[in-house]
Amino acid sequence: MLDIKLIRQNPEMVKESLTNRHTEINLDALLELDAKRRTLILEGDELKAKRNQFSQLMAKERGGTEEQKLEVRQMGERIKILTLR
């Protein structure tokens, strides 16, 4: 099994190696999916950080407004969607 980091850093070498072994794999599609995955992970991490900051602010304000609570819930729902495996 190949490490995805190796494929990311040396896609042409990996393609050549696979060709020499008479193995066909669409590395471009794999790299595209990997890029999408990394983008979603980043979005999830950013949302978690924003939710934490929001929660801390709401705690200082003794609960926050209904709008703030709704926004935090929506962030939580989006995080759940992004972290489904």
PDB file of N, CA and C in Angstrom:
ATOM      1  N   MET A   1       0.845  -1.169   0.000  1.00  0.00           N
ATOM      2  CA  MET A   1       0.000   0.000   0.000  1.00  0.00           C
ATOM      3  C   MET A   1       0.895   1.238   0.000  1.00  0.00           C
ATOM      4  N   LEU A   2       0.488   2.216  -0.784  1.00  0.00           N
ATOM      5  CA  LEU A   2       1.267   3.440  -0.890  1.00  0.00           C
ATOM      6  C   LEU A   2       0.729   4.507   0.053  1.00  0.00           C
ATOM      7  N   ASP A   3       1.639   5.249   0.624  1.00  0.00           N
ATOM      8  CA  ASP A   3       1.271   6.361   1.486  1.00  0.00           C
ATOM      9  C   ASP A   3       0.757   7.498   0.605  1.00  0.00           C
ATOM     10  N   ILE A   4      -0.353   8.116   1.004  1.00  0.00           N
ATOM     11  CA  ILE A   4      -0.946   9.195   0.210  1.00  0.00           C
ATOM     12  C   ILE A   4       0.018  10.369   0.080  1.00  0.00           C
ATOM     13  N   LYS A   5       0.866  10.576   1.071  1.00  0.00           N
ATOM     14  CA  LYS A   5       1.852  11.661   0.990  1.00  0.00           C
ATOM     15  C   LYS A   5       2.816  11.428  -0.169  1.00  0.00           C
ATOM     16  N   LEU A   6       3.234  10.189  -0.354  1.00  0.00           N
ATOM     17  CA  LEU A   6       4.116   9.855  -1.466  1.00  0.00           C
ATOM     18  C   LEU A   6       3.416  10.124  -2.790  1.00  0.00           C
ATOM     19  N   ILE A   7       2.168   9.749  -2.880  1.00  0.00           N
ATOM     20  CA  ILE A   7       1.411   9.966  -4.118  1.00  0.00           C
ATOM     21  C   ILE A   7       1.251  11.459  -4.378  1.00  0.00           C
ATOM     22  N   ARG A   8       0.967  12.238  -3.331  1.00  0.00           N
ATOM     23  CA  ARG A   8       0.816  13.689  -3.483  1.00  0.00           C
ATOM     24  C   ARG A   8       2.110  14.342  -3.946  1.00  0.00           C
ATOM     25  N   GLN A   9       3.220  13.916  -3.347  1.00  0.00           N
ATOM     26  CA  GLN A   9       4.498  14.559  -3.624  1.00  0.00           C
ATOM     27  C   GLN A   9       5.131  14.105  -4.935  1.00  0.00           C
ATOM     28  N   ASN A  10       4.855  12.879  -5.351  1.00  0.00           N
ATOM     29  CA  ASN A  10       5.499  12.324  -6.544  1.00  0.00           C
ATOM     30  C   ASN A  10       4.508  11.585  -7.442  1.00  0.00           C
ATOM     31  N   PRO A  11       3.471  12.267  -7.919  1.00  0.00           N
ATOM     32  CA  PRO A  11       2.454  11.550  -8.699  1.00  0.00           C
ATOM     33  C   PRO A  11       3.005  10.944  -9.992  1.00  0.00           C
ATOM     34  N   GLU A  12       3.926  11.635 -10.628  1.00  0.00           N
ATOM     35  CA  GLU A  12       4.465  11.103 -11.890  1.00  0.00           C
ATOM     36  C   GLU A  12       5.290   9.846 -11.652  1.00  0.00           C
ATOM     37  N   MET A  13       6.072   9.828 -10.590  1.00  0.00           N
ATOM     38  CA  MET A  13       6.863   8.650 -10.264  1.00  0.00           C
ATOM     39  C   MET A  13       5.940   7.461  -9.969  1.00  0.00           C
ATOM     40  N   VAL A  14       4.878   7.720  -9.230  1.00  0.00           N
ATOM     41  CA  VAL A  14       3.939   6.656  -8.875  1.00  0.00           C
ATOM     42  C   VAL A  14       3.247   6.139 -10.137  1.00  0.00           C
ATOM     43  N   LYS A  15       2.819   7.063 -11.023  1.00  0.00           N
ATOM     44  CA  LYS A  15       2.190   6.653 -12.287  1.00  0.00           C
ATOM     45  C   LYS A  15       3.136   5.773 -13.100  1.00  0.00           C
ATOM     46  N   GLU A  16       4.384   6.184 -13.172  1.00  0.00           N
ATOM     47  CA  GLU A  16       5.367   5.415 -13.936  1.00  0.00           C
ATOM     48  C   GLU A  16       5.572   4.032 -13.326  1.00  0.00           C
ATOM     49  N   SER A  17       5.657   3.982 -12.015  1.00  0.00           N
ATOM     50  CA  SER A  17       5.836   2.713 -11.331  1.00  0.00           C
ATOM     51  C   SER A  17       4.641   1.782 -11.564  1.00  0.00           C
ATOM     52  N   LEU A  18       3.442   2.342 -11.507  1.00  0.00           N
ATOM     53  CA  LEU A  18       2.242   1.545 -11.747  1.00  0.00           C
ATOM     54  C   LEU A  18       2.191   1.044 -13.189  1.00  0.00           C
ATOM     55  N   THR A  19       2.601   1.887 -14.113  1.00  0.00           N
ATOM     56  CA  THR A  19       2.640   1.482 -15.527  1.00  0.00           C
ATOM     57  C   THR A  19       3.620   0.337 -15.723  1.00  0.00           C
ATOM     58  N   ASN A  20       4.779   0.425 -15.071  1.00  0.00           N
ATOM     59  CA  ASN A  20       5.775  -0.638 -15.178  1.00  0.00           C
ATOM     60  C   ASN A  20       5.256  -1.961 -14.612  1.00  0.00           C
ATOM     61  N   ARG A  21       4.324  -1.881 -13.680  1.00  0.00           N
ATOM     62  CA  ARG A  21       3.755  -3.090 -13.079  1.00  0.00           C
ATOM     63  C   ARG A  21       2.467  -3.523 -13.784  1.00  0.00           C
ATOM     64  N   HIS A  22       2.139  -2.820 -14.875  1.00  0.00           N
ATOM     65  CA  HIS A  22       0.927  -3.105 -15.652  1.00  0.00           C
ATOM     66  C   HIS A  22      -0.328  -2.998 -14.780  1.00  0.00           C
ATOM     67  N   THR A  23      -0.334  -1.947 -13.959  1.00  0.00           N
ATOM     68  CA  THR A  23      -1.471  -1.693 -13.085  1.00  0.00           C
ATOM     69  C   THR A  23      -2.074  -0.350 -13.456  1.00  0.00           C
ATOM     70  N   GLU A  24      -3.385  -0.340 -13.645  1.00  0.00           N
ATOM     71  CA  GLU A  24      -4.055   0.903 -13.997  1.00  0.00           C
ATOM     72  C   GLU A  24      -4.869   1.422 -12.821  1.00  0.00           C
ATOM     73  N   ILE A  25      -4.525   2.624 -12.392  1.00  0.00           N
ATOM     74  CA  ILE A  25      -5.272   3.312 -11.348  1.00  0.00           C
ATOM     75  C   ILE A  25      -5.335   4.780 -11.767  1.00  0.00           C
ATOM     76  N   ASN A  26      -6.492   5.371 -11.617  1.00  0.00           N
ATOM     77  CA  ASN A  26      -6.657   6.776 -11.969  1.00  0.00           C
ATOM     78  C   ASN A  26      -6.161   7.633 -10.799  1.00  0.00           C
ATOM     79  N   LEU A  27      -4.886   7.970 -10.833  1.00  0.00           N
ATOM     80  CA  LEU A  27      -4.302   8.752  -9.744  1.00  0.00           C
ATOM     81  C   LEU A  27      -4.849  10.164  -9.708  1.00  0.00           C
ATOM     82  N   ASP A  28      -5.215  10.703 -10.870  1.00  0.00           N
ATOM     83  CA  ASP A  28      -5.766  12.062 -10.890  1.00  0.00           C
ATOM     84  C   ASP A  28      -7.071  12.115 -10.087  1.00  0.00           C
ATOM     85  N   ALA A  29      -7.912  11.104 -10.263  1.00  0.00           N
ATOM     86  CA  ALA A  29      -9.159  11.052  -9.499  1.00  0.00           C
ATOM     87  C   ALA A  29      -8.867  10.871  -8.011  1.00  0.00           C
ATOM     88  N   LEU A  30      -7.889  10.039  -7.685  1.00  0.00           N
ATOM     89  CA  LEU A  30      -7.505   9.823  -6.296  1.00  0.00           C
ATOM     90  C   LEU A  30      -7.014  11.128  -5.670  1.00  0.00           C
ATOM     91  N   LEU A  31      -6.169  11.856  -6.380  1.00  0.00           N
ATOM     92  CA  LEU A  31      -5.637  13.115  -5.863  1.00  0.00           C
ATOM     93  C   LEU A  31      -6.741  14.167  -5.730  1.00  0.00           C
ATOM     94  N   GLU A  32      -7.695  14.151  -6.635  1.00  0.00           N
ATOM     95  CA  GLU A  32      -8.823  15.084  -6.555  1.00  0.00           C
ATOM     96  C   GLU A  32      -9.670  14.785  -5.321  1.00  0.00           C
ATOM     97  N   LEU A  33      -9.952  13.514  -5.083  1.00  0.00           N
ATOM     98  CA  LEU A  33     -10.714  13.129  -3.890  1.00  0.00           C
ATOM     99  C   LEU A  33      -9.948  13.474  -2.614  1.00  0.00           C
ATOM    100  N   ASP A  34      -8.648  13.262  -2.630  1.00  0.00           N
ATOM    101  CA  ASP A  34      -7.819  13.589  -1.476  1.00  0.00           C
ATOM    102  C   ASP A  34      -7.865  15.087  -1.191  1.00  0.00           C
ATOM    103  N   ALA A  35      -7.818  15.898  -2.241  1.00  0.00           N
ATOM    104  CA  ALA A  35      -7.879  17.354  -2.065  1.00  0.00           C
ATOM    105  C   ALA A  35      -9.230  17.764  -1.476  1.00  0.00           C
ATOM    106  N   LYS A  36     -10.307  17.155  -1.956  1.00  0.00           N
ATOM    107  CA  LYS A  36     -11.637  17.454  -1.415  1.00  0.00           C
ATOM    108  C   LYS A  36     -11.715  17.055   0.050  1.00  0.00           C
ATOM    109  N   ARG A  37     -11.166  15.880   0.366  1.00  0.00           N
ATOM    110  CA  ARG A  37     -11.164  15.397   1.748  1.00  0.00           C
ATOM    111  C   ARG A  37     -10.420  16.362   2.661  1.00  0.00           C
ATOM    112  N   ARG A  38      -9.267  16.817   2.207  1.00  0.00           N
ATOM    113  CA  ARG A  38      -8.465  17.743   3.014  1.00  0.00           C
ATOM    114  C   ARG A  38      -9.185  19.069   3.207  1.00  0.00           C
ATOM    115  N   THR A  39      -9.901  19.525   2.176  1.00  0.00           N
ATOM    116  CA  THR A  39     -10.674  20.762   2.273  1.00  0.00           C
ATOM    117  C   THR A  39     -11.790  20.616   3.299  1.00  0.00           C
ATOM    118  N   LEU A  40     -12.471  19.479   3.287  1.00  0.00           N
ATOM    119  CA  LEU A  40     -13.553  19.245   4.247  1.00  0.00           C
ATOM    120  C   LEU A  40     -13.031  19.136   5.679  1.00  0.00           C
ATOM    121  N   ILE A  41     -11.884  18.513   5.838  1.00  0.00           N
ATOM    122  CA  ILE A  41     -11.267  18.421   7.170  1.00  0.00           C
ATOM    123  C   ILE A  41     -10.931  19.821   7.681  1.00  0.00           C
ATOM    124  N   LEU A  42     -10.364  20.640   6.810  1.00  0.00           N
ATOM    125  CA  LEU A  42     -10.018  22.011   7.183  1.00  0.00           C
ATOM    126  C   LEU A  42     -11.270  22.796   7.559  1.00  0.00           C
ATOM    127  N   GLU A  43     -12.338  22.650   6.769  1.00  0.00           N
ATOM    128  CA  GLU A  43     -13.590  23.334   7.077  1.00  0.00           C
ATOM    129  C   GLU A  43     -14.123  22.899   8.442  1.00  0.00           C
ATOM    130  N   GLY A  44     -14.068  21.618   8.716  1.00  0.00           N
ATOM    131  CA  GLY A  44     -14.528  21.103  10.000  1.00  0.00           C
ATOM    132  C   GLY A  44     -13.704  21.654  11.154  1.00  0.00           C
ATOM    133  N   ASP A  45     -12.399  21.690  10.983  1.00  0.00           N
ATOM    134  CA  ASP A  45     -11.525  22.218  12.031  1.00  0.00           C
ATOM    135  C   ASP A  45     -11.799  23.702  12.285  1.00  0.00           C
ATOM    136  N   GLU A  46     -12.007  24.458  11.201  1.00  0.00           N
ATOM    137  CA  GLU A  46     -12.297  25.879  11.346  1.00  0.00           C
ATOM    138  C   GLU A  46     -13.640  26.094  12.050  1.00  0.00           C
ATOM    139  N   LEU A  47     -14.622  25.278  11.696  1.00  0.00           N
ATOM    140  CA  LEU A  47     -15.928  25.384  12.351  1.00  0.00           C
ATOM    141  C   LEU A  47     -15.841  25.044  13.837  1.00  0.00           C
ATOM    142  N   LYS A  48     -15.063  24.033  14.172  1.00  0.00           N
ATOM    143  CA  LYS A  48     -14.896  23.663  15.577  1.00  0.00           C
ATOM    144  C   LYS A  48     -14.272  24.813  16.363  1.00  0.00           C
ATOM    145  N   ALA A  49     -13.257  25.448  15.778  1.00  0.00           N
ATOM    146  CA  ALA A  49     -12.599  26.569  16.450  1.00  0.00           C
ATOM    147  C   ALA A  49     -13.573  27.731  16.622  1.00  0.00           C
ATOM    148  N   LYS A  50     -14.344  28.019  15.575  1.00  0.00           N
ATOM    149  CA  LYS A  50     -15.322  29.110  15.639  1.00  0.00           C
ATOM    150  C   LYS A  50     -16.401  28.802  16.676  1.00  0.00           C
ATOM    151  N   ARG A  51     -16.867  27.556  16.696  1.00  0.00           N
ATOM    152  CA  ARG A  51     -17.889  27.154  17.674  1.00  0.00           C
ATOM    153  C   ARG A  51     -17.347  27.314  19.091  1.00  0.00           C
ATOM    154  N   ASN A  52     -16.089  26.917  19.305  1.00  0.00           N
ATOM    155  CA  ASN A  52     -15.490  27.048  20.638  1.00  0.00           C
ATOM    156  C   ASN A  52     -15.394  28.512  21.063  1.00  0.00           C
ATOM    157  N   GLN A  53     -14.980  29.375  20.141  1.00  0.00           N
ATOM    158  CA  GLN A  53     -14.891  30.798  20.450  1.00  0.00           C
ATOM    159  C   GLN A  53     -16.276  31.363  20.767  1.00  0.00           C
ATOM    160  N   PHE A  54     -17.245  30.970  19.966  1.00  0.00           N
ATOM    161  CA  PHE A  54     -18.617  31.419  20.160  1.00  0.00           C
ATOM    162  C   PHE A  54     -19.146  30.950  21.511  1.00  0.00           C
ATOM    163  N   SER A  55     -18.873  29.709  21.849  1.00  0.00           N
ATOM    164  CA  SER A  55     -19.340  29.149  23.119  1.00  0.00           C
ATOM    165  C   SER A  55     -18.724  29.889  24.304  1.00  0.00           C
ATOM    166  N   GLN A  56     -17.444  30.215  24.190  1.00  0.00           N
ATOM    167  CA  GLN A  56     -16.781  30.962  25.262  1.00  0.00           C
ATOM    168  C   GLN A  56     -17.396  32.347  25.412  1.00  0.00           C
ATOM    169  N   LEU A  57     -17.677  32.985  24.288  1.00  0.00           N
ATOM    170  CA  LEU A  57     -18.300  34.304  24.313  1.00  0.00           C
ATOM    171  C   LEU A  57     -19.689  34.222  24.941  1.00  0.00           C
ATOM    172  N   MET A  58     -20.440  33.206  24.563  1.00  0.00           N
ATOM    173  CA  MET A  58     -21.786  33.032  25.116  1.00  0.00           C
ATOM    174  C   MET A  58     -21.724  32.763  26.623  1.00  0.00           C
ATOM    175  N   ALA A  59     -20.725  32.029  27.067  1.00  0.00           N
ATOM    176  CA  ALA A  59     -20.583  31.744  28.499  1.00  0.00           C
ATOM    177  C   ALA A  59     -20.320  33.038  29.270  1.00  0.00           C
ATOM    178  N   LYS A  60     -19.530  33.914  28.696  1.00  0.00           N
ATOM    179  CA  LYS A  60     -19.255  35.197  29.347  1.00  0.00           C
ATOM    180  C   LYS A  60     -20.512  36.057  29.413  1.00  0.00           C
ATOM    181  N   GLU A  61     -21.363  35.904  28.421  1.00  0.00           N
ATOM    182  CA  GLU A  61     -22.601  36.693  28.362  1.00  0.00           C
ATOM    183  C   GLU A  61     -23.755  36.005  29.084  1.00  0.00           C
ATOM    184  N   ARG A  62     -23.443  34.936  29.785  1.00  0.00           N
ATOM    185  CA  ARG A  62     -24.452  34.188  30.552  1.00  0.00           C
ATOM    186  C   ARG A  62     -25.522  33.579  29.650  1.00  0.00           C
ATOM    187  N   GLY A  63     -25.097  32.870  28.624  1.00  0.00           N
ATOM    188  CA  GLY A  63     -26.048  32.111  27.818  1.00  0.00           C
ATOM    189  C   GLY A  63     -26.216  32.583  26.397  1.00  0.00           C
ATOM    190  N   GLY A  64     -26.082  33.829  26.135  1.00  0.00           N
ATOM    191  CA  GLY A  64     -26.213  34.326  24.781  1.00  0.00           C
ATOM    192  C   GLY A  64     -27.654  34.448  24.321  1.00  0.00           C
ATOM    193  N   THR A  65     -27.815  34.990  23.124  1.00  0.00           N
ATOM    194  CA  THR A  65     -29.144  35.180  22.559  1.00  0.00           C
ATOM    195  C   THR A  65     -29.607  33.904  21.867  1.00  0.00           C
ATOM    196  N   GLU A  66     -30.873  33.879  21.524  1.00  0.00           N
ATOM    197  CA  GLU A  66     -31.425  32.727  20.795  1.00  0.00           C
ATOM    198  C   GLU A  66     -30.749  32.583  19.430  1.00  0.00           C
ATOM    199  N   GLU A  67     -30.440  33.712  18.796  1.00  0.00           N
ATOM    200  CA  GLU A  67     -29.750  33.671  17.501  1.00  0.00           C
ATOM    201  C   GLU A  67     -28.383  33.013  17.639  1.00  0.00           C
ATOM    202  N   GLN A  68     -27.665  33.365  18.676  1.00  0.00           N
ATOM    203  CA  GLN A  68     -26.349  32.789  18.913  1.00  0.00           C
ATOM    204  C   GLN A  68     -26.452  31.290  19.172  1.00  0.00           C
ATOM    205  N   LYS A  69     -27.442  30.908  19.977  1.00  0.00           N
ATOM    206  CA  LYS A  69     -27.632  29.485  20.267  1.00  0.00           C
ATOM    207  C   LYS A  69     -27.954  28.709  18.991  1.00  0.00           C
ATOM    208  N   LEU A  70     -28.793  29.297  18.145  1.00  0.00           N
ATOM    209  CA  LEU A  70     -29.142  28.661  16.881  1.00  0.00           C
ATOM    210  C   LEU A  70     -27.907  28.511  15.992  1.00  0.00           C
ATOM    211  N   GLU A  71     -27.097  29.554  15.937  1.00  0.00           N
ATOM    212  CA  GLU A  71     -25.893  29.497  15.108  1.00  0.00           C
ATOM    213  C   GLU A  71     -24.933  28.413  15.593  1.00  0.00           C
ATOM    214  N   VAL A  72     -24.774  28.296  16.908  1.00  0.00           N
ATOM    215  CA  VAL A  72     -23.897  27.261  17.463  1.00  0.00           C
ATOM    216  C   VAL A  72     -24.440  25.873  17.128  1.00  0.00           C
ATOM    217  N   ARG A  73     -25.760  25.695  17.219  1.00  0.00           N
ATOM    218  CA  ARG A  73     -26.361  24.405  16.862  1.00  0.00           C
ATOM    219  C   ARG A  73     -26.138  24.087  15.389  1.00  0.00           C
ATOM    220  N   GLN A  74     -26.281  25.093  14.536  1.00  0.00           N
ATOM    221  CA  GLN A  74     -26.073  24.880  13.098  1.00  0.00           C
ATOM    222  C   GLN A  74     -24.623  24.508  12.804  1.00  0.00           C
ATOM    223  N   MET A  75     -23.711  25.150  13.507  1.00  0.00           N
ATOM    224  CA  MET A  75     -22.293  24.795  13.353  1.00  0.00           C
ATOM    225  C   MET A  75     -22.074  23.346  13.770  1.00  0.00           C
ATOM    226  N   GLY A  76     -22.680  22.946  14.877  1.00  0.00           N
ATOM    227  CA  GLY A  76     -22.551  21.575  15.356  1.00  0.00           C
ATOM    228  C   GLY A  76     -23.092  20.572  14.350  1.00  0.00           C
ATOM    229  N   GLU A  77     -24.223  20.903  13.728  1.00  0.00           N
ATOM    230  CA  GLU A  77     -24.800  20.006  12.726  1.00  0.00           C
ATOM    231  C   GLU A  77     -23.887  19.877  11.513  1.00  0.00           C
ATOM    232  N   ARG A  78     -23.318  21.002  11.086  1.00  0.00           N
ATOM    233  CA  ARG A  78     -22.405  20.968   9.928  1.00  0.00           C
ATOM    234  C   ARG A  78     -21.151  20.159  10.275  1.00  0.00           C
ATOM    235  N   ILE A  79     -20.660  20.308  11.485  1.00  0.00           N
ATOM    236  CA  ILE A  79     -19.481  19.550  11.926  1.00  0.00           C
ATOM    237  C   ILE A  79     -19.788  18.056  11.894  1.00  0.00           C
ATOM    238  N   LYS A  80     -20.972  17.669  12.361  1.00  0.00           N
ATOM    239  CA  LYS A  80     -21.349  16.258  12.327  1.00  0.00           C
ATOM    240  C   LYS A  80     -21.344  15.724  10.902  1.00  0.00           C
ATOM    241  N   ILE A  81     -21.887  16.507   9.983  1.00  0.00           N
ATOM    242  CA  ILE A  81     -21.925  16.090   8.572  1.00  0.00           C
ATOM    243  C   ILE A  81     -20.504  15.925   8.033  1.00  0.00           C
ATOM    244  N   LEU A  82     -19.637  16.867   8.362  1.00  0.00           N
ATOM    245  CA  LEU A  82     -18.265  16.845   7.840  1.00  0.00           C
ATOM    246  C   LEU A  82     -17.441  15.706   8.436  1.00  0.00           C
ATOM    247  N   THR A  83     -17.784  15.274   9.638  1.00  0.00           N
ATOM    248  CA  THR A  83     -16.958  14.249  10.294  1.00  0.00           C
ATOM    249  C   THR A  83     -17.547  12.844  10.176  1.00  0.00           C
ATOM    250  N   LEU A  84     -18.634  12.689   9.447  1.00  0.00           N
ATOM    251  CA  LEU A  84     -19.166  11.340   9.226  1.00  0.00           C
ATOM    252  C   LEU A  84     -18.145  10.514   8.468  1.00  0.00           C
ATOM    253  N   ARG A  85     -18.025   9.283   8.848  1.00  0.00           N
ATOM    254  CA  ARG A  85     -17.023   8.437   8.177  1.00  0.00           C
ATOM    255  C   ARG A  85     -17.669   7.225   7.629  1.00  0.00           C
TER     256      ARG A  85
END
